[in-house]
């Protein structure tokens, strides 16, 4: 078997030894083990192997030694630290009506963030060139020369993504994006590896790795915004499904009503009756037909269409029509979620997203009430349903964790660690077969 890379002493690191390198790295970067003796205890590896792998990772710039740790009677061991600032990442979350971008370190923590309004229906070329790339470039221009270099890019989009290629596939709210090579475009411009996924998957990953869901094994992240989608963590792993469209619950049929056609072309879809666009549509109707005096006054003031956040605000002011709209939305979402709870049996459901999810306690309370009423008692015995605490940071943090996990994976680490960074190695996204 041929060598994949060289040890610091010049000896070749064989393919079967790569597992131990990744094991040591994972223990160190997760904080599970902070010294060589702790790595030995957690991994079951021998002292010589651990010493060699730690030396390799220090030489590669991924680990560094710190102060002496506590002694158990013998020589005090040196603390080991994962170098989260060895590199930085560009991350972006594209929503239906806004775009957020940020810079994160290799521990998934955001060091910069900004958001701007944008319509995703403007198309791929306009969105990437006039918004995402411009915002990335602005953030890069404000950095100091000594700041860590960019090692990779993570992007979330509001539609199904074939993860293996990084291409959106028939996204209902993204006209002109079907099959667009998002990964290839950004990789060519910034000369680093790029990964693309559905934004709700990344929100789930962000909460799982850096939020309220840490320590949970089975999680549903439900985003209620312009559309509705779910990210699933199953047995501690992000579940994308066979082609990347797992969790597309916004297009579950909940009503047999041909009067409302969803943006996907079907009728009866959940988001067509309970999503942000649906609330805006029904709120406008309530304003114009006199059922909502509050929204009618607001429409006169604003001089344009009602938005979902207007309905939410009206409900907090006691507007009965708006309260009814939010309650109906919560009930429909809760009925869908009850089915998912019975089927998937999560321990935690987090509700996030802009506009509708920020509607105060009414929407969340209605969702909870419906889920507990419609689900099996065993499925809800220990179930928690809560608002996402990370909110607008969840997707960006999830994008960072996606890139980090891919870069540090067994299949990809071997492709760049010999260069000490993945800069200029955009081909890293294609896994290297390791026997």
Protein backbone atom coordinates (compact mmCIF):
# COMPACT_ATOMS: atom_id res chain seq x y z
CA UNK A 1 0.00 0.00 0.00
CA UNK A 2 1.40 3.39 -0.96
CA UNK A 3 2.08 6.32 1.30
CA UNK A 4 -0.42 9.17 1.54
CA UNK A 5 1.74 11.75 3.33
CA UNK A 6 4.93 11.93 5.35
CA UNK A 7 5.33 11.96 9.09
CA UNK A 8 7.35 14.87 10.56
CA UNK A 9 10.36 12.56 10.74
CA UNK A 10 10.08 11.84 7.02
CA UNK A 11 8.60 8.37 7.40
CA UNK A 12 5.52 7.73 5.25
CA UNK A 13 2.07 7.80 6.81
CA UNK A 14 0.19 4.85 5.35
CA UNK A 15 -3.50 4.76 4.54
CA UNK A 16 -4.38 2.55 7.49
CA UNK A 17 -2.72 5.10 9.81
CA UNK A 18 -4.96 7.93 8.66
CA UNK A 19 -7.77 6.73 10.93
CA UNK A 20 -5.62 7.29 14.00
CA UNK A 21 -4.64 10.77 12.82
CA UNK A 22 -8.29 11.78 12.41
CA UNK A 23 -9.18 10.20 15.76
CA UNK A 24 -6.53 12.26 17.57
CA UNK A 25 -7.56 15.43 15.73
CA UNK A 26 -11.26 14.93 16.51
CA UNK A 27 -10.58 14.39 20.20
CA UNK A 28 -8.44 17.52 20.38
CA UNK A 29 -10.64 19.86 18.37
CA UNK A 30 -13.81 18.78 20.20
CA UNK A 31 -12.15 19.41 23.56
CA UNK A 32 -12.83 15.82 24.66
CA UNK A 33 -9.11 15.27 25.29
CA UNK A 34 -6.67 18.07 26.10
CA UNK A 35 -3.45 16.19 26.81
CA UNK A 36 -1.65 13.20 25.34
CA UNK A 37 -2.60 10.95 28.30
CA UNK A 38 -6.26 11.94 27.86
CA UNK A 39 -6.07 11.11 24.13
CA UNK A 40 -4.60 7.72 25.00
CA UNK A 41 -7.37 7.08 27.52
CA UNK A 42 -10.23 8.14 25.22
CA UNK A 43 -8.92 6.56 22.02
CA UNK A 44 -7.36 3.35 23.27
CA UNK A 45 -4.33 4.06 21.08
CA UNK A 46 -0.79 3.34 22.23
CA UNK A 47 1.49 6.02 23.61
CA UNK A 48 3.88 5.89 20.63
CA UNK A 49 1.06 6.23 18.09
CA UNK A 50 -0.48 9.18 19.93
CA UNK A 51 2.92 10.88 20.22
CA UNK A 52 3.50 10.49 16.48
CA UNK A 53 0.04 11.71 15.48
CA UNK A 54 0.21 14.74 17.79
CA UNK A 55 3.62 15.62 16.35
CA UNK A 56 2.19 15.37 12.84
CA UNK A 57 -0.75 17.66 13.69
CA UNK A 58 1.52 20.20 15.42
CA UNK A 59 3.78 20.22 12.37
CA UNK A 60 0.72 20.75 10.14
CA UNK A 61 -0.32 23.75 12.26
CA UNK A 62 -3.58 22.23 13.49
CA UNK A 63 -2.53 21.67 17.11
CA UNK A 64 -0.31 23.62 19.47
CA UNK A 65 1.08 22.98 22.92
CA UNK A 66 0.12 25.18 25.83
CA UNK A 67 0.82 25.26 29.54
CA UNK A 68 1.34 22.25 31.76
CA UNK A 69 -1.81 20.41 32.72
CA UNK A 70 -2.65 18.81 36.09
CA UNK A 71 -0.44 15.93 37.19
CA UNK A 72 -1.74 12.56 38.34
CA UNK A 73 1.39 11.85 40.33
CA UNK A 74 3.92 11.78 37.51
CA UNK A 75 5.27 14.34 35.11
CA UNK A 76 2.69 17.05 34.31
CA UNK A 77 1.49 16.75 30.69
CA UNK A 78 1.38 19.63 28.23
CA UNK A 79 -2.04 20.94 27.29
CA UNK A 80 -2.95 20.58 23.61
CA UNK A 81 -5.11 23.12 21.81
CA UNK A 82 -6.78 23.01 18.43
CA UNK A 83 -5.68 26.09 16.48
CA UNK A 84 -9.06 27.57 15.63
CA UNK A 85 -7.33 30.58 14.07
CA UNK A 86 -5.11 28.56 11.78
CA UNK A 87 -7.59 29.61 9.10
CA UNK A 88 -10.90 31.38 8.66
CA UNK A 89 -13.99 30.57 6.62
CA UNK A 90 -16.41 32.62 4.54
CA UNK A 91 -20.02 31.64 5.21
CA UNK A 92 -23.32 32.75 3.71
CA UNK A 93 -26.98 32.04 4.33
CA UNK A 94 -29.31 32.91 1.47
CA UNK A 95 -32.93 33.35 2.47
CA UNK A 96 -35.97 34.21 0.40
CA UNK A 97 -35.82 37.93 1.26
CA UNK A 98 -32.37 38.50 2.80
CA UNK A 99 -28.76 37.35 2.73
CA UNK A 100 -26.43 37.00 5.70
CA UNK A 101 -22.68 36.54 5.36
CA UNK A 102 -19.94 36.12 7.91
CA UNK A 103 -16.42 35.05 8.72
CA UNK A 104 -15.91 32.15 11.12
CA UNK A 105 -12.93 30.47 12.71
CA UNK A 106 -12.17 26.74 12.59
CA UNK A 107 -14.15 26.20 15.80
CA UNK A 108 -17.31 27.45 14.10
CA UNK A 109 -17.43 30.76 15.97
CA UNK A 110 -18.43 33.87 14.03
CA UNK A 111 -15.90 36.70 14.12
CA UNK A 112 -17.86 38.98 11.74
CA UNK A 113 -21.40 39.06 10.37
CA UNK A 114 -23.63 41.29 8.26
CA UNK A 115 -27.06 41.04 6.65
CA UNK A 116 -28.79 42.79 3.77
CA UNK A 117 -32.25 42.53 2.19
CA UNK A 118 -32.28 40.64 -1.09
CA UNK A 119 -34.81 38.72 -3.18
CA UNK A 120 -33.57 35.23 -4.00
CA UNK A 121 -35.88 35.19 -7.03
CA UNK A 122 -33.54 37.71 -8.66
CA UNK A 123 -31.64 34.72 -10.02
CA UNK A 124 -28.32 33.01 -9.43
CA UNK A 125 -26.04 35.36 -11.38
CA UNK A 126 -27.42 38.53 -9.84
CA UNK A 127 -27.55 37.07 -6.33
CA UNK A 128 -24.02 35.72 -6.31
CA UNK A 129 -22.39 38.62 -8.15
CA UNK A 130 -24.27 41.65 -6.78
CA UNK A 131 -24.91 40.37 -3.28
CA UNK A 132 -22.92 37.39 -1.97
CA UNK A 133 -19.58 38.10 -3.66
CA UNK A 134 -19.86 41.84 -3.05
CA UNK A 135 -20.58 41.24 0.66
CA UNK A 136 -17.73 38.72 0.89
CA UNK A 137 -15.33 41.15 -0.76
CA UNK A 138 -16.38 43.97 1.54
CA UNK A 139 -15.69 41.85 4.60
CA UNK A 140 -12.34 40.72 3.22
CA UNK A 141 -11.33 44.31 2.44
CA UNK A 142 -11.80 45.32 6.09
CA UNK A 143 -9.53 42.57 7.44
CA UNK A 144 -6.02 43.15 8.76
CA UNK A 145 -3.04 41.73 6.82
CA UNK A 146 -2.22 39.46 9.77
CA UNK A 147 -5.69 37.93 9.99
CA UNK A 148 -5.90 34.19 9.19
CA UNK A 149 -6.31 33.32 5.54
CA UNK A 150 -9.56 31.98 4.13
CA UNK A 151 -9.55 28.17 4.04
CA UNK A 152 -13.01 27.45 2.65
CA UNK A 153 -16.53 28.65 1.96
CA UNK A 154 -19.90 27.35 3.17
CA UNK A 155 -23.22 28.43 1.65
CA UNK A 156 -26.83 27.67 2.55
CA UNK A 157 -29.66 28.20 0.05
CA UNK A 158 -33.45 28.05 0.56
CA UNK A 159 -34.13 24.98 -1.54
CA UNK A 160 -33.13 21.37 -2.17
CA UNK A 161 -29.42 20.84 -2.88
CA UNK A 162 -27.66 17.81 -4.30
CA UNK A 163 -24.89 17.83 -1.72
CA UNK A 164 -22.41 15.82 -3.78
CA UNK A 165 -22.34 18.49 -6.51
CA UNK A 166 -23.38 21.61 -4.59
CA UNK A 167 -26.15 22.35 -7.10
CA UNK A 168 -29.72 23.39 -6.26
CA UNK A 169 -32.30 21.02 -7.75
CA UNK A 170 -35.69 22.41 -8.84
CA UNK A 171 -35.95 24.86 -5.90
CA UNK A 172 -39.55 26.18 -5.79
CA UNK A 173 -38.73 29.74 -4.65
CA UNK A 174 -35.47 30.09 -6.62
CA UNK A 175 -36.26 30.59 -10.33
CA UNK A 176 -33.17 30.30 -12.50
CA UNK A 177 -31.18 28.37 -9.89
CA UNK A 178 -31.95 24.80 -10.99
CA UNK A 179 -28.64 23.02 -11.58
CA UNK A 180 -26.60 26.21 -11.18
CA UNK A 181 -22.96 25.50 -10.29
CA UNK A 182 -22.77 27.54 -7.09
CA UNK A 183 -19.78 25.59 -5.81
CA UNK A 184 -17.75 25.88 -9.00
CA UNK A 185 -18.35 29.60 -9.36
CA UNK A 186 -17.26 30.50 -5.82
CA UNK A 187 -14.33 28.04 -5.86
CA UNK A 188 -13.00 29.60 -9.05
CA UNK A 189 -13.30 33.13 -7.67
CA UNK A 190 -11.81 32.53 -4.21
CA UNK A 191 -9.57 29.49 -4.93
CA UNK A 192 -10.66 27.47 -1.88
CA UNK A 193 -12.95 24.46 -1.33
CA UNK A 194 -16.68 25.27 -1.29
CA UNK A 195 -19.65 23.32 0.08
CA UNK A 196 -23.33 24.14 -0.45
CA UNK A 197 -26.38 22.80 1.38
CA UNK A 198 -29.99 23.59 2.16
CA UNK A 199 -30.12 26.46 4.65
CA UNK A 200 -32.37 24.58 7.10
CA UNK A 201 -29.89 21.70 7.27
CA UNK A 202 -27.25 24.23 8.26
CA UNK A 203 -29.51 25.81 10.89
CA UNK A 204 -30.01 22.37 12.43
CA UNK A 205 -26.26 21.74 12.32
CA UNK A 206 -25.52 25.13 13.89
CA UNK A 207 -27.83 24.47 16.83
CA UNK A 208 -26.59 20.88 17.18
CA UNK A 209 -22.93 21.82 17.32
CA UNK A 210 -23.05 25.26 18.91
CA UNK A 211 -26.47 25.93 20.40
CA UNK A 212 -29.30 24.57 22.53
CA UNK A 213 -29.19 21.15 20.84
CA UNK A 214 -25.66 20.26 21.95
CA UNK A 215 -25.75 16.78 23.44
CA UNK A 216 -29.00 15.82 21.72
CA UNK A 217 -29.00 12.83 19.38
CA UNK A 218 -32.30 13.28 17.55
CA UNK A 219 -33.39 16.78 16.65
CA UNK A 220 -35.81 18.59 14.35
CA UNK A 221 -35.07 22.21 13.43
CA UNK A 222 -38.20 23.78 11.95
CA UNK A 223 -37.76 27.00 10.03
CA UNK A 224 -40.89 29.07 9.53
CA UNK A 225 -40.18 31.98 7.24
CA UNK A 226 -41.38 32.82 3.75
CA UNK A 227 -41.43 29.05 3.30
CA UNK A 228 -41.31 26.16 5.75
CA UNK A 229 -38.60 23.51 6.02
CA UNK A 230 -37.03 21.13 8.51
CA UNK A 231 -33.47 20.06 9.26
CA UNK A 232 -33.04 16.62 10.82
CA UNK A 233 -30.30 15.36 13.12
CA UNK A 234 -30.61 11.57 13.45
CA UNK A 235 -28.44 9.57 15.85
CA UNK A 236 -26.05 12.51 16.05
CA UNK A 237 -25.67 12.93 12.28
CA UNK A 238 -27.20 15.42 9.85
CA UNK A 239 -29.71 13.49 7.72
CA UNK A 240 -29.77 14.83 4.17
CA UNK A 241 -31.49 11.86 2.55
CA UNK A 242 -30.54 10.10 -0.66
CA UNK A 243 -30.47 13.21 -2.87
CA UNK A 244 -30.46 16.03 -0.34
CA UNK A 245 -34.16 16.84 -0.02
CA UNK A 246 -34.91 15.28 3.38
CA UNK A 247 -36.97 17.59 5.57
CA UNK A 248 -38.83 19.40 2.79
CA UNK A 249 -41.97 19.50 4.94
CA UNK A 250 -43.25 22.76 3.48
CA UNK A 251 -44.65 20.78 0.58
CA UNK A 252 -46.47 18.18 2.63
CA UNK A 253 -50.14 18.19 1.56
CA UNK A 254 -52.33 19.26 4.47
CA UNK A 255 -55.49 20.56 2.76
CA UNK A 256 -57.43 19.56 -0.33
CA UNK A 257 -58.02 23.13 -1.50
CA UNK A 258 -57.55 23.84 -5.20
CA UNK A 259 -58.10 27.57 -4.71
CA UNK A 260 -54.51 28.10 -3.51
CA UNK A 261 -51.63 26.91 -5.70
CA UNK A 262 -48.24 26.55 -4.06
CA UNK A 263 -45.11 27.93 -5.69
CA UNK A 264 -44.08 24.33 -6.37
CA UNK A 265 -47.13 23.97 -8.63
CA UNK A 266 -49.13 21.64 -6.37
CA UNK A 267 -52.14 22.36 -4.19
CA UNK A 268 -52.63 21.84 -0.48
CA UNK A 269 -48.98 22.42 0.53
CA UNK A 270 -48.33 23.45 4.13
CA UNK A 271 -46.31 26.57 3.30
CA UNK A 272 -49.03 27.78 0.90
CA UNK A 273 -51.37 28.06 3.92
CA UNK A 274 -49.08 28.57 6.90
CA UNK A 275 -45.78 30.11 5.71
CA UNK A 276 -44.79 33.76 5.72
CA UNK A 277 -45.96 34.38 2.16
CA UNK A 278 -49.34 32.87 3.04
CA UNK A 279 -49.69 35.08 6.11
CA UNK A 280 -48.81 38.16 4.06
CA UNK A 281 -51.41 37.19 1.44
CA UNK A 282 -54.14 36.53 4.00
CA UNK A 283 -53.19 39.60 6.02
CA UNK A 284 -53.60 41.78 2.92
CA UNK A 285 -57.02 40.26 2.34
CA UNK A 286 -58.00 40.99 5.95
CA UNK A 287 -56.82 44.60 5.57
CA UNK A 288 -58.74 45.22 2.36
CA UNK A 289 -62.04 43.56 3.31
CA UNK A 290 -62.34 45.28 6.68
CA UNK A 291 -61.72 42.28 8.98
CA UNK A 292 -58.55 43.88 10.38
CA UNK A 293 -58.73 47.60 11.19
CA UNK A 294 -55.12 47.48 12.43
CA UNK A 295 -53.76 46.07 9.15
CA UNK A 296 -56.02 48.42 7.16
CA UNK A 297 -54.47 51.44 8.88
CA UNK A 298 -51.00 49.98 8.40
CA UNK A 299 -51.65 49.43 4.70
CA UNK A 300 -52.63 53.07 4.30
CA UNK A 301 -49.48 54.16 6.12
CA UNK A 302 -47.07 51.89 4.28
CA UNK A 303 -48.69 52.28 0.89
CA UNK A 304 -47.81 48.74 -0.20
CA UNK A 305 -48.53 45.11 0.57
CA UNK A 306 -48.77 43.64 4.03
CA UNK A 307 -45.89 41.43 5.22
CA UNK A 308 -45.90 38.48 7.61
CA UNK A 309 -44.17 40.55 10.30
CA UNK A 310 -47.05 43.04 10.08
CA UNK A 311 -49.53 40.28 10.88
CA UNK A 312 -47.37 39.19 13.80
CA UNK A 313 -47.17 42.74 15.12
CA UNK A 314 -50.92 43.23 14.71
CA UNK A 315 -51.56 40.05 16.70
CA UNK A 316 -49.46 41.35 19.61
CA UNK A 317 -51.69 44.44 19.61
CA UNK A 318 -54.80 42.29 19.97
CA UNK A 319 -56.00 42.42 16.35
CA UNK A 320 -58.47 39.52 16.23
CA UNK A 321 -58.09 38.76 12.53
CA UNK A 322 -54.30 38.57 12.88
CA UNK A 323 -54.60 36.39 15.98
CA UNK A 324 -56.82 34.02 14.00
CA UNK A 325 -54.32 33.91 11.12
CA UNK A 326 -51.39 33.12 13.42
CA UNK A 327 -53.40 30.54 15.34
CA UNK A 328 -54.41 28.83 12.10
CA UNK A 329 -50.82 28.83 10.91
CA UNK A 330 -49.63 27.34 14.21
CA UNK A 331 -52.31 24.66 14.13
CA UNK A 332 -51.47 23.58 10.57
CA UNK A 333 -47.74 23.52 11.33
CA UNK A 334 -48.43 21.61 14.53
CA UNK A 335 -50.48 18.97 12.72
CA UNK A 336 -47.64 18.36 10.26
CA UNK A 337 -45.11 18.36 13.08
CA UNK A 338 -47.15 15.85 15.10
CA UNK A 339 -46.88 13.41 12.20
CA UNK A 340 -43.13 14.00 12.03
CA UNK A 341 -42.79 13.55 15.80
CA UNK A 342 -44.65 10.23 15.65
CA UNK A 343 -42.51 9.08 12.72
CA UNK A 344 -39.09 10.38 13.77
CA UNK A 345 -39.41 10.54 17.58
CA UNK A 346 -37.00 13.44 18.27
CA UNK A 347 -36.04 14.58 21.77
CA UNK A 348 -36.02 18.25 20.77
CA UNK A 349 -37.83 20.46 18.25
CA UNK A 350 -36.42 23.94 17.71
CA UNK A 351 -38.45 26.57 15.87
CA UNK A 352 -36.58 29.36 14.11
CA UNK A 353 -36.63 31.65 11.09
CA UNK A 354 -37.55 35.28 10.55
CA UNK A 355 -40.93 36.93 10.48
CA UNK A 356 -43.40 34.26 11.51
CA UNK A 357 -41.17 32.50 14.03
CA UNK A 358 -40.62 35.91 15.65
CA UNK A 359 -44.34 36.32 16.26
CA UNK A 360 -44.10 36.10 20.03
CA UNK A 361 -45.51 33.27 22.11
CA UNK A 362 -48.81 32.79 20.27
CA UNK A 363 -47.48 30.84 17.30
CA UNK A 364 -45.14 28.66 19.35
CA UNK A 365 -47.82 27.97 21.97
CA UNK A 366 -50.29 26.88 19.28
CA UNK A 367 -47.69 24.61 17.68
CA UNK A 368 -46.88 23.02 21.03
CA UNK A 369 -50.52 22.52 21.95
CA UNK A 370 -51.28 20.86 18.62
CA UNK A 371 -48.23 18.59 18.69
CA UNK A 372 -48.91 17.34 22.21
CA UNK A 373 -52.59 16.80 21.40
CA UNK A 374 -52.02 14.98 18.09
CA UNK A 375 -48.86 12.93 18.85
CA UNK A 376 -48.50 9.59 20.59
CA UNK A 377 -47.96 9.91 24.36
CA UNK A 378 -44.71 7.93 24.19
CA UNK A 379 -43.35 10.18 21.41
CA UNK A 380 -43.94 13.32 23.48
CA UNK A 381 -43.05 11.96 26.92
CA UNK A 382 -39.65 13.68 26.98
CA UNK A 383 -40.09 15.96 23.96
CA UNK A 384 -39.04 19.60 24.26
CA UNK A 385 -40.30 22.22 21.80
CA UNK A 386 -38.51 25.57 22.03
CA UNK A 387 -37.53 28.64 20.09
CA UNK A 388 -34.09 28.57 18.46
CA UNK A 389 -31.76 30.64 20.67
CA UNK A 390 -29.17 31.19 17.93
CA UNK A 391 -31.80 32.65 15.59
CA UNK A 392 -30.01 34.50 12.74
CA UNK A 393 -26.62 32.97 13.63
CA UNK A 394 -27.68 29.32 13.35
CA UNK A 395 -27.36 29.07 9.57
CA UNK A 396 -23.99 30.83 9.41
CA UNK A 397 -22.56 28.73 12.22
CA UNK A 398 -23.93 25.61 10.57
CA UNK A 399 -22.26 26.58 7.29
CA UNK A 400 -18.96 26.89 9.16
CA UNK A 401 -19.36 23.51 10.85
CA UNK A 402 -20.20 21.93 7.49
CA UNK A 403 -16.93 23.16 5.99
CA UNK A 404 -14.89 22.27 9.07
CA UNK A 405 -16.25 18.73 9.24
CA UNK A 406 -15.60 18.18 5.55
CA UNK A 407 -12.06 19.57 5.68
CA UNK A 408 -11.19 17.49 8.75
CA UNK A 409 -12.78 14.28 7.45
CA UNK A 410 -10.76 11.16 6.74
CA UNK A 411 -11.51 11.36 3.02
CA UNK A 412 -10.37 14.96 2.59
CA UNK A 413 -7.72 15.65 5.21
CA UNK A 414 -5.15 13.65 3.27
CA UNK A 415 -5.64 15.86 0.19
CA UNK A 416 -4.41 19.05 1.86
CA UNK A 417 -2.66 18.46 5.19
CA UNK A 418 0.68 18.03 3.43
CA UNK A 419 0.28 21.61 2.13
CA UNK A 420 -0.67 22.83 5.65
CA UNK A 421 -3.80 24.53 4.30
CA UNK A 422 -6.51 23.87 1.69
CA UNK A 423 -5.88 27.21 -0.05
CA UNK A 424 -5.62 26.59 -3.77
CA UNK A 425 -7.03 23.10 -3.30
CA UNK A 426 -10.63 23.53 -4.44
CA UNK A 427 -10.54 19.91 -5.64
CA UNK A 428 -10.60 18.87 -1.97
CA UNK A 429 -14.40 18.73 -2.25
CA UNK A 430 -14.00 15.50 -4.22
CA UNK A 431 -13.23 12.73 -1.71
CA UNK A 432 -9.94 10.88 -2.03
CA UNK A 433 -10.50 7.09 -1.93
CA UNK A 434 -8.73 5.73 1.12
CA UNK A 435 -8.42 1.98 1.62
